[in-house]
């Protein structure tokens, strides 16, 4: 009789678990509704070398590689290395998806998405965009931040009409785990677009955007966070000055100083719409 009672208890527990899973699956989950001039991005993306400051020709394939990241964040990556161009596309997809429950398809045309990225709309750009979407689908990331781990691709799946270049793309529901309180930043999209093609400047803009009061940081540490391939400190220092000058030029920084091995920056007053850690 005892054995029969134990089986009934276990069966009851399994039914409760199934019911909980069904309730969770039926919940409507949406990304935060940041305003139009912004692009919501998890801090784990921009406080690490997940989207490196490299040119497309310098990509390498990684397998369960732990990339450099700020303390408290662990990022592992498998796939063709991602860069700042990939981040801009992912941010645009997330921007479209924020108006719909995660797991639903967001729709766009290649022409429209390229225009929103301020890119040309020729055949080569269409191919480049499709390659980027495939790269975001084919990769596998494992991100641990504040006790929660997300693992999976950055784009779950999609459909493309070859005649009209109309896309239907789905982001993974579990990406919401990366948008917890003080775990994401609403990047200034206009400023980021002014830096298009300047990978180091874009990576620095994103990194410093995620900090209301940026702290002084060692050059080698900053170089690792942005995923720079420049192994020579002197060479990176020159490129760093150029990139920081760009951030001052667009009004993101008021000034900066490089004292020996330490970089310190002063930001303009952050927007109140930013959700920054």
C-alpha atoms as a PDB file:
ATOM      1  CA  UNK A   1       0.000   0.000   0.000  1.00  0.00           C
ATOM      2  CA  UNK A   2       2.891   2.307   0.859  1.00  0.00           C
ATOM      3  CA  UNK A   3       4.453   1.747  -2.553  1.00  0.00           C
ATOM      4  CA  UNK A   4       1.158   2.554  -4.255  1.00  0.00           C
ATOM      5  CA  UNK A   5       0.857   5.735  -2.196  1.00  0.00           C
ATOM      6  CA  UNK A   6       4.382   6.796  -3.176  1.00  0.00           C
ATOM      7  CA  UNK A   7       3.567   6.310  -6.862  1.00  0.00           C
ATOM      8  CA  UNK A   8       0.443   8.432  -6.526  1.00  0.00           C
ATOM      9  CA  UNK A   9       2.450  11.199  -4.827  1.00  0.00           C
ATOM     10  CA  UNK A  10       5.099  11.121  -7.588  1.00  0.00           C
ATOM     11  CA  UNK A  11       2.411  11.171 -10.269  1.00  0.00           C
ATOM     12  CA  UNK A  12       0.778  14.160  -8.573  1.00  0.00           C
ATOM     13  CA  UNK A  13       4.116  16.003  -8.451  1.00  0.00           C
ATOM     14  CA  UNK A  14       4.708  15.341 -12.166  1.00  0.00           C
ATOM     15  CA  UNK A  15       1.228  16.658 -12.995  1.00  0.00           C
ATOM     16  CA  UNK A  16       1.963  19.848 -11.045  1.00  0.00           C
ATOM     17  CA  UNK A  17       5.275  20.249 -12.866  1.00  0.00           C
ATOM     18  CA  UNK A  18       3.578  19.773 -16.235  1.00  0.00           C
ATOM     19  CA  UNK A  19       0.939  22.314 -15.288  1.00  0.00           C
ATOM     20  CA  UNK A  20       3.612  24.838 -14.245  1.00  0.00           C
ATOM     21  CA  UNK A  21       5.489  24.330 -17.526  1.00  0.00           C
ATOM     22  CA  UNK A  22       2.303  24.902 -19.503  1.00  0.00           C
ATOM     23  CA  UNK A  23       1.534  28.098 -17.569  1.00  0.00           C
ATOM     24  CA  UNK A  24       5.053  29.393 -18.177  1.00  0.00           C
ATOM     25  CA  UNK A  25       4.879  28.551 -21.881  1.00  0.00           C
ATOM     26  CA  UNK A  26       1.565  30.395 -22.221  1.00  0.00           C
ATOM     27  CA  UNK A  27       2.799  33.563 -20.509  1.00  0.00           C
ATOM     28  CA  UNK A  28       3.214  36.630 -22.709  1.00  0.00           C
ATOM     29  CA  UNK A  29       6.842  37.704 -22.428  1.00  0.00           C
ATOM     30  CA  UNK A  30       8.040  40.936 -24.006  1.00  0.00           C
ATOM     31  CA  UNK A  31      11.264  42.874 -24.047  1.00  0.00           C
ATOM     32  CA  UNK A  32      11.285  46.252 -22.249  1.00  0.00           C
ATOM     33  CA  UNK A  33       9.668  49.013 -24.318  1.00  0.00           C
ATOM     34  CA  UNK A  34      12.577  51.429 -24.696  1.00  0.00           C
ATOM     35  CA  UNK A  35      11.847  54.576 -26.770  1.00  0.00           C
ATOM     36  CA  UNK A  36      12.391  54.848 -30.522  1.00  0.00           C
ATOM     37  CA  UNK A  37      15.745  56.746 -30.429  1.00  0.00           C
ATOM     38  CA  UNK A  38      17.287  54.003 -28.272  1.00  0.00           C
ATOM     39  CA  UNK A  39      18.362  50.396 -28.739  1.00  0.00           C
ATOM     40  CA  UNK A  40      18.072  48.093 -25.723  1.00  0.00           C
ATOM     41  CA  UNK A  41      21.129  45.890 -25.281  1.00  0.00           C
ATOM     42  CA  UNK A  42      22.060  43.474 -22.472  1.00  0.00           C
ATOM     43  CA  UNK A  43      25.043  44.661 -20.452  1.00  0.00           C
ATOM     44  CA  UNK A  44      26.529  41.199 -20.834  1.00  0.00           C
ATOM     45  CA  UNK A  45      26.844  41.950 -24.577  1.00  0.00           C
ATOM     46  CA  UNK A  46      28.620  45.274 -24.179  1.00  0.00           C
ATOM     47  CA  UNK A  47      30.710  44.637 -21.075  1.00  0.00           C
ATOM     48  CA  UNK A  48      32.428  41.747 -22.797  1.00  0.00           C
ATOM     49  CA  UNK A  49      34.199  40.878 -26.037  1.00  0.00           C
ATOM     50  CA  UNK A  50      31.164  38.976 -27.370  1.00  0.00           C
ATOM     51  CA  UNK A  51      30.848  41.545 -30.177  1.00  0.00           C
ATOM     52  CA  UNK A  52      34.483  42.354 -30.810  1.00  0.00           C
ATOM     53  CA  UNK A  53      35.951  45.554 -32.217  1.00  0.00           C
ATOM     54  CA  UNK A  54      37.305  43.772 -35.308  1.00  0.00           C
ATOM     55  CA  UNK A  55      36.767  43.961 -39.040  1.00  0.00           C
ATOM     56  CA  UNK A  56      34.820  41.216 -40.794  1.00  0.00           C
ATOM     57  CA  UNK A  57      37.951  39.866 -42.479  1.00  0.00           C
ATOM     58  CA  UNK A  58      39.513  39.219 -39.067  1.00  0.00           C
ATOM     59  CA  UNK A  59      36.807  36.905 -37.762  1.00  0.00           C
ATOM     60  CA  UNK A  60      37.861  33.488 -36.432  1.00  0.00           C
ATOM     61  CA  UNK A  61      35.827  30.424 -35.455  1.00  0.00           C
ATOM     62  CA  UNK A  62      35.623  29.772 -31.720  1.00  0.00           C
ATOM     63  CA  UNK A  63      34.499  26.682 -29.812  1.00  0.00           C
ATOM     64  CA  UNK A  64      33.277  27.055 -26.228  1.00  0.00           C
ATOM     65  CA  UNK A  65      35.704  29.930 -25.889  1.00  0.00           C
ATOM     66  CA  UNK A  66      35.451  32.118 -22.788  1.00  0.00           C
ATOM     67  CA  UNK A  67      35.683  35.728 -23.939  1.00  0.00           C
ATOM     68  CA  UNK A  68      36.934  38.567 -21.754  1.00  0.00           C
ATOM     69  CA  UNK A  69      34.215  40.195 -19.670  1.00  0.00           C
ATOM     70  CA  UNK A  70      33.715  42.515 -16.732  1.00  0.00           C
ATOM     71  CA  UNK A  71      33.625  40.964 -13.265  1.00  0.00           C
ATOM     72  CA  UNK A  72      30.292  39.309 -12.529  1.00  0.00           C
ATOM     73  CA  UNK A  73      29.672  38.290 -16.141  1.00  0.00           C
ATOM     74  CA  UNK A  74      30.810  35.059 -17.809  1.00  0.00           C
ATOM     75  CA  UNK A  75      30.467  34.651 -21.572  1.00  0.00           C
ATOM     76  CA  UNK A  76      31.283  31.549 -23.608  1.00  0.00           C
ATOM     77  CA  UNK A  77      30.941  31.469 -27.371  1.00  0.00           C
ATOM     78  CA  UNK A  78      30.855  28.900 -30.166  1.00  0.00           C
ATOM     79  CA  UNK A  79      30.676  29.917 -33.824  1.00  0.00           C
ATOM     80  CA  UNK A  80      32.021  32.495 -36.233  1.00  0.00           C
ATOM     81  CA  UNK A  81      33.209  35.471 -34.204  1.00  0.00           C
ATOM     82  CA  UNK A  82      30.786  38.385 -33.948  1.00  0.00           C
ATOM     83  CA  UNK A  83      31.673  42.057 -34.348  1.00  0.00           C
ATOM     84  CA  UNK A  84      30.060  45.483 -33.999  1.00  0.00           C
ATOM     85  CA  UNK A  85      28.242  45.179 -37.338  1.00  0.00           C
ATOM     86  CA  UNK A  86      26.552  42.038 -36.027  1.00  0.00           C
ATOM     87  CA  UNK A  87      25.602  43.864 -32.837  1.00  0.00           C
ATOM     88  CA  UNK A  88      23.912  46.664 -34.808  1.00  0.00           C
ATOM     89  CA  UNK A  89      21.826  44.112 -36.721  1.00  0.00           C
ATOM     90  CA  UNK A  90      20.907  42.203 -33.545  1.00  0.00           C
ATOM     91  CA  UNK A  91      19.930  45.462 -31.819  1.00  0.00           C
ATOM     92  CA  UNK A  92      17.697  46.337 -34.769  1.00  0.00           C
ATOM     93  CA  UNK A  93      15.996  42.924 -34.654  1.00  0.00           C
ATOM     94  CA  UNK A  94      15.455  43.269 -30.895  1.00  0.00           C
ATOM     95  CA  UNK A  95      14.078  46.773 -31.475  1.00  0.00           C
ATOM     96  CA  UNK A  96      11.465  45.339 -33.849  1.00  0.00           C
ATOM     97  CA  UNK A  97      10.739  42.400 -31.549  1.00  0.00           C
ATOM     98  CA  UNK A  98      10.152  44.565 -28.458  1.00  0.00           C
ATOM     99  CA  UNK A  99       6.627  45.387 -29.669  1.00  0.00           C
ATOM    100  CA  UNK A 100       5.592  41.722 -29.818  1.00  0.00           C
ATOM    101  CA  UNK A 101       5.659  38.797 -27.386  1.00  0.00           C
ATOM    102  CA  UNK A 102       8.970  36.955 -27.547  1.00  0.00           C
ATOM    103  CA  UNK A 103       8.600  33.762 -29.510  1.00  0.00           C
ATOM    104  CA  UNK A 104       6.394  35.485 -32.096  1.00  0.00           C
ATOM    105  CA  UNK A 105       7.814  36.356 -35.499  1.00  0.00           C
ATOM    106  CA  UNK A 106       8.909  39.918 -36.227  1.00  0.00           C
ATOM    107  CA  UNK A 107       8.653  40.884 -39.889  1.00  0.00           C
ATOM    108  CA  UNK A 108      10.685  43.227 -42.071  1.00  0.00           C
ATOM    109  CA  UNK A 109      12.121  43.599 -45.544  1.00  0.00           C
ATOM    110  CA  UNK A 110      15.841  43.497 -46.171  1.00  0.00           C
ATOM    111  CA  UNK A 111      15.557  46.903 -47.851  1.00  0.00           C
ATOM    112  CA  UNK A 112      13.822  48.414 -44.823  1.00  0.00           C
ATOM    113  CA  UNK A 113      16.295  46.960 -42.335  1.00  0.00           C
ATOM    114  CA  UNK A 114      19.283  48.146 -44.367  1.00  0.00           C
ATOM    115  CA  UNK A 115      17.782  51.631 -44.527  1.00  0.00           C
ATOM    116  CA  UNK A 116      17.319  51.658 -40.752  1.00  0.00           C
ATOM    117  CA  UNK A 117      21.015  50.756 -40.463  1.00  0.00           C
ATOM    118  CA  UNK A 118      21.886  53.676 -42.779  1.00  0.00           C
ATOM    119  CA  UNK A 119      23.430  51.224 -45.239  1.00  0.00           C
ATOM    120  CA  UNK A 120      23.247  51.030 -49.007  1.00  0.00           C
ATOM    121  CA  UNK A 121      20.584  48.660 -50.356  1.00  0.00           C
ATOM    122  CA  UNK A 122      22.409  46.949 -53.207  1.00  0.00           C
ATOM    123  CA  UNK A 123      22.846  43.222 -53.805  1.00  0.00           C
ATOM    124  CA  UNK A 124      26.087  43.003 -51.803  1.00  0.00           C
ATOM    125  CA  UNK A 125      24.435  44.626 -48.771  1.00  0.00           C
ATOM    126  CA  UNK A 126      21.479  42.225 -49.037  1.00  0.00           C
ATOM    127  CA  UNK A 127      23.932  39.302 -49.017  1.00  0.00           C
ATOM    128  CA  UNK A 128      25.841  40.825 -46.112  1.00  0.00           C
ATOM    129  CA  UNK A 129      22.640  41.218 -44.083  1.00  0.00           C
ATOM    130  CA  UNK A 130      21.577  37.629 -44.745  1.00  0.00           C
ATOM    131  CA  UNK A 131      25.024  36.359 -43.749  1.00  0.00           C
ATOM    132  CA  UNK A 132      24.782  38.322 -40.515  1.00  0.00           C
ATOM    133  CA  UNK A 133      21.374  36.860 -39.669  1.00  0.00           C
ATOM    134  CA  UNK A 134      22.704  33.350 -40.386  1.00  0.00           C
ATOM    135  CA  UNK A 135      25.736  34.002 -38.176  1.00  0.00           C
ATOM    136  CA  UNK A 136      23.489  35.123 -35.305  1.00  0.00           C
ATOM    137  CA  UNK A 137      21.398  31.976 -35.823  1.00  0.00           C
ATOM    138  CA  UNK A 138      24.327  29.552 -36.126  1.00  0.00           C
ATOM    139  CA  UNK A 139      26.217  30.705 -33.031  1.00  0.00           C
ATOM    140  CA  UNK A 140      25.797  29.416 -29.486  1.00  0.00           C
ATOM    141  CA  UNK A 141      26.349  31.672 -26.503  1.00  0.00           C
ATOM    142  CA  UNK A 142      26.381  30.846 -22.804  1.00  0.00           C
ATOM    143  CA  UNK A 143      26.013  33.953 -20.650  1.00  0.00           C
ATOM    144  CA  UNK A 144      25.926  33.931 -16.858  1.00  0.00           C
ATOM    145  CA  UNK A 145      24.993  37.212 -15.152  1.00  0.00           C
ATOM    146  CA  UNK A 146      23.727  37.639 -11.599  1.00  0.00           C
ATOM    147  CA  UNK A 147      22.933  33.988 -11.073  1.00  0.00           C
ATOM    148  CA  UNK A 148      21.067  33.400 -14.345  1.00  0.00           C
ATOM    149  CA  UNK A 149      22.523  31.588 -17.377  1.00  0.00           C
ATOM    150  CA  UNK A 150      21.205  31.949 -20.903  1.00  0.00           C
ATOM    151  CA  UNK A 151      22.436  29.495 -23.507  1.00  0.00           C
ATOM    152  CA  UNK A 152      21.388  29.253 -27.122  1.00  0.00           C
ATOM    153  CA  UNK A 153      21.590  31.237 -30.376  1.00  0.00           C
ATOM    154  CA  UNK A 154      20.984  34.972 -30.639  1.00  0.00           C
ATOM    155  CA  UNK A 155      18.397  34.425 -33.390  1.00  0.00           C
ATOM    156  CA  UNK A 156      16.243  31.314 -33.041  1.00  0.00           C
ATOM    157  CA  UNK A 157      14.991  30.870 -36.615  1.00  0.00           C
ATOM    158  CA  UNK A 158      13.482  32.678 -39.561  1.00  0.00           C
ATOM    159  CA  UNK A 159      11.879  32.591 -42.979  1.00  0.00           C
ATOM    160  CA  UNK A 160      12.806  34.557 -46.085  1.00  0.00           C
ATOM    161  CA  UNK A 161      10.771  35.156 -49.245  1.00  0.00           C
ATOM    162  CA  UNK A 162      13.374  35.006 -52.018  1.00  0.00           C
ATOM    163  CA  UNK A 163      11.243  37.081 -54.392  1.00  0.00           C
ATOM    164  CA  UNK A 164      10.505  40.005 -52.064  1.00  0.00           C
ATOM    165  CA  UNK A 165      13.350  39.667 -49.501  1.00  0.00           C
ATOM    166  CA  UNK A 166      10.663  39.743 -46.824  1.00  0.00           C
ATOM    167  CA  UNK A 167      11.858  38.182 -43.552  1.00  0.00           C
ATOM    168  CA  UNK A 168      10.057  36.671 -40.592  1.00  0.00           C
ATOM    169  CA  UNK A 169      12.517  36.218 -37.722  1.00  0.00           C
ATOM    170  CA  UNK A 170      12.023  34.769 -34.250  1.00  0.00           C
ATOM    171  CA  UNK A 171      14.086  35.618 -31.185  1.00  0.00           C
ATOM    172  CA  UNK A 172      14.353  33.077 -28.372  1.00  0.00           C
ATOM    173  CA  UNK A 173      11.905  33.670 -25.482  1.00  0.00           C
ATOM    174  CA  UNK A 174      14.670  32.997 -22.994  1.00  0.00           C
ATOM    175  CA  UNK A 175      16.579  36.108 -24.122  1.00  0.00           C
ATOM    176  CA  UNK A 176      14.361  37.983 -21.656  1.00  0.00           C
ATOM    177  CA  UNK A 177      16.641  36.581 -18.934  1.00  0.00           C
ATOM    178  CA  UNK A 178      19.341  38.987 -20.125  1.00  0.00           C
ATOM    179  CA  UNK A 179      17.097  42.037 -19.596  1.00  0.00           C
ATOM    180  CA  UNK A 180      16.718  41.970 -15.823  1.00  0.00           C
ATOM    181  CA  UNK A 181      16.733  45.138 -13.725  1.00  0.00           C
ATOM    182  CA  UNK A 182      19.998  47.047 -14.203  1.00  0.00           C
ATOM    183  CA  UNK A 183      21.184  44.343 -16.614  1.00  0.00           C
ATOM    184  CA  UNK A 184      20.628  46.211 -19.863  1.00  0.00           C
ATOM    185  CA  UNK A 185      21.276  49.603 -21.409  1.00  0.00           C
ATOM    186  CA  UNK A 186      19.287  51.732 -23.858  1.00  0.00           C
ATOM    187  CA  UNK A 187      22.010  52.828 -26.276  1.00  0.00           C
ATOM    188  CA  UNK A 188      21.721  56.132 -28.131  1.00  0.00           C
ATOM    189  CA  UNK A 189      21.109  54.901 -31.675  1.00  0.00           C
ATOM    190  CA  UNK A 190      21.875  58.177 -33.420  1.00  0.00           C
ATOM    191  CA  UNK A 191      25.279  58.375 -31.743  1.00  0.00           C
ATOM    192  CA  UNK A 192      26.015  54.749 -32.586  1.00  0.00           C
ATOM    193  CA  UNK A 193      25.102  55.357 -36.226  1.00  0.00           C
ATOM    194  CA  UNK A 194      27.479  58.336 -36.366  1.00  0.00           C
ATOM    195  CA  UNK A 195      30.222  55.862 -35.473  1.00  0.00           C
ATOM    196  CA  UNK A 196      29.269  53.266 -38.104  1.00  0.00           C
ATOM    197  CA  UNK A 197      32.347  51.545 -39.533  1.00  0.00           C
ATOM    198  CA  UNK A 198      34.471  52.667 -36.554  1.00  0.00           C
ATOM    199  CA  UNK A 199      34.456  49.408 -34.640  1.00  0.00           C
ATOM    200  CA  UNK A 200      36.575  50.447 -31.657  1.00  0.00           C
ATOM    201  CA  UNK A 201      34.658  53.687 -31.172  1.00  0.00           C
ATOM    202  CA  UNK A 202      31.339  51.783 -31.310  1.00  0.00           C
ATOM    203  CA  UNK A 203      32.548  49.192 -28.794  1.00  0.00           C
ATOM    204  CA  UNK A 204      33.763  51.920 -26.418  1.00  0.00           C
ATOM    205  CA  UNK A 205      30.505  53.863 -26.834  1.00  0.00           C
ATOM    206  CA  UNK A 206      28.531  50.749 -25.890  1.00  0.00           C
ATOM    207  CA  UNK A 207      30.798  49.837 -22.963  1.00  0.00           C
ATOM    208  CA  UNK A 208      30.803  53.306 -21.436  1.00  0.00           C
ATOM    209  CA  UNK A 209      27.062  53.730 -22.084  1.00  0.00           C
ATOM    210  CA  UNK A 210      26.440  50.871 -19.664  1.00  0.00           C
ATOM    211  CA  UNK A 211      28.064  52.827 -16.795  1.00  0.00           C
ATOM    212  CA  UNK A 212      26.535  55.998 -15.375  1.00  0.00           C
ATOM    213  CA  UNK A 213      29.882  56.930 -13.874  1.00  0.00           C
ATOM    214  CA  UNK A 214      32.624  55.164 -15.824  1.00  0.00           C
ATOM    215  CA  UNK A 215      35.525  54.075 -13.653  1.00  0.00           C
ATOM    216  CA  UNK A 216      39.224  54.458 -14.563  1.00  0.00           C
ATOM    217  CA  UNK A 217      40.429  51.294 -16.239  1.00  0.00           C
ATOM    218  CA  UNK A 218      43.734  49.789 -17.342  1.00  0.00           C
ATOM    219  CA  UNK A 219      44.438  49.932 -21.069  1.00  0.00           C
ATOM    220  CA  UNK A 220      45.067  46.162 -21.245  1.00  0.00           C
ATOM    221  CA  UNK A 221      41.760  45.457 -19.468  1.00  0.00           C
ATOM    222  CA  UNK A 222      39.829  47.758 -21.776  1.00  0.00           C
ATOM    223  CA  UNK A 223      41.529  46.181 -24.803  1.00  0.00           C
ATOM    224  CA  UNK A 224      40.387  42.730 -23.659  1.00  0.00           C
ATOM    225  CA  UNK A 225      36.786  43.897 -23.054  1.00  0.00           C
ATOM    226  CA  UNK A 226      36.448  45.247 -26.609  1.00  0.00           C
ATOM    227  CA  UNK A 227      38.126  42.186 -28.136  1.00  0.00           C
ATOM    228  CA  UNK A 228      40.829  44.127 -29.953  1.00  0.00           C
ATOM    229  CA  UNK A 229      43.394  42.073 -31.914  1.00  0.00           C
ATOM    230  CA  UNK A 230      46.047  44.773 -31.554  1.00  0.00           C
ATOM    231  CA  UNK A 231      48.659  42.972 -29.453  1.00  0.00           C
ATOM    232  CA  UNK A 232      50.975  45.984 -29.240  1.00  0.00           C
ATOM    233  CA  UNK A 233      50.004  48.279 -26.380  1.00  0.00           C
ATOM    234  CA  UNK A 234      51.504  51.311 -28.102  1.00  0.00           C
ATOM    235  CA  UNK A 235      49.549  50.606 -31.296  1.00  0.00           C
ATOM    236  CA  UNK A 236      46.298  50.082 -29.411  1.00  0.00           C
ATOM    237  CA  UNK A 237      46.921  53.271 -27.423  1.00  0.00           C
ATOM    238  CA  UNK A 238      47.064  55.279 -30.651  1.00  0.00           C
ATOM    239  CA  UNK A 239      43.813  53.740 -31.918  1.00  0.00           C
ATOM    240  CA  UNK A 240      42.242  54.246 -28.491  1.00  0.00           C
ATOM    241  CA  UNK A 241      42.968  57.984 -28.561  1.00  0.00           C
ATOM    242  CA  UNK A 242      41.453  58.248 -32.026  1.00  0.00           C
ATOM    243  CA  UNK A 243      38.321  56.375 -30.920  1.00  0.00           C
ATOM    244  CA  UNK A 244      37.938  58.469 -27.759  1.00  0.00           C
ATOM    245  CA  UNK A 245      38.323  61.627 -29.847  1.00  0.00           C
ATOM    246  CA  UNK A 246      35.363  60.377 -31.902  1.00  0.00           C
ATOM    247  CA  UNK A 247      33.287  59.978 -28.731  1.00  0.00           C
ATOM    248  CA  UNK A 248      34.078  63.546 -27.724  1.00  0.00           C
ATOM    249  CA  UNK A 249      33.270  64.746 -31.241  1.00  0.00           C
ATOM    250  CA  UNK A 250      29.741  63.298 -31.162  1.00  0.00           C
ATOM    251  CA  UNK A 251      29.107  64.711 -27.685  1.00  0.00           C
ATOM    252  CA  UNK A 252      29.084  61.400 -25.814  1.00  0.00           C
ATOM    253  CA  UNK A 253      32.172  62.245 -23.740  1.00  0.00           C
ATOM    254  CA  UNK A 254      33.092  65.660 -22.388  1.00  0.00           C
ATOM    255  CA  UNK A 255      36.762  64.693 -22.090  1.00  0.00           C
ATOM    256  CA  UNK A 256      39.148  61.842 -21.360  1.00  0.00           C
ATOM    257  CA  UNK A 257      42.663  61.294 -20.052  1.00  0.00           C
ATOM    258  CA  UNK A 258      45.224  58.549 -20.568  1.00  0.00           C
ATOM    259  CA  UNK A 259      47.737  58.600 -17.719  1.00  0.00           C
ATOM    260  CA  UNK A 260      50.315  55.889 -18.190  1.00  0.00           C
ATOM    261  CA  UNK A 261      48.340  52.632 -18.292  1.00  0.00           C
ATOM    262  CA  UNK A 262      45.068  54.106 -17.001  1.00  0.00           C
ATOM    263  CA  UNK A 263      42.169  55.469 -19.072  1.00  0.00           C
ATOM    264  CA  UNK A 264      39.617  57.795 -17.467  1.00  0.00           C
ATOM    265  CA  UNK A 265      36.622  59.359 -19.218  1.00  0.00           C
ATOM    266  CA  UNK A 266      33.903  61.843 -18.349  1.00  0.00           C
ATOM    267  CA  UNK A 267      30.472  61.269 -19.851  1.00  0.00           C
ATOM    268  CA  UNK A 268      27.897  63.851 -20.663  1.00  0.00           C
ATOM    269  CA  UNK A 269      24.812  63.544 -18.440  1.00  0.00           C
ATOM    270  CA  UNK A 270      23.249  60.112 -19.169  1.00  0.00           C
ATOM    271  CA  UNK A 271      19.670  60.020 -20.437  1.00  0.00           C
ATOM    272  CA  UNK A 272      17.081  59.158 -17.816  1.00  0.00           C
ATOM    273  CA  UNK A 273      15.688  56.507 -20.168  1.00  0.00           C
ATOM    274  CA  UNK A 274      18.835  54.417 -19.821  1.00  0.00           C
ATOM    275  CA  UNK A 275      18.595  51.339 -17.635  1.00  0.00           C
ATOM    276  CA  UNK A 276      22.228  51.129 -16.615  1.00  0.00           C
ATOM    277  CA  UNK A 277      24.108  49.072 -14.080  1.00  0.00           C
END
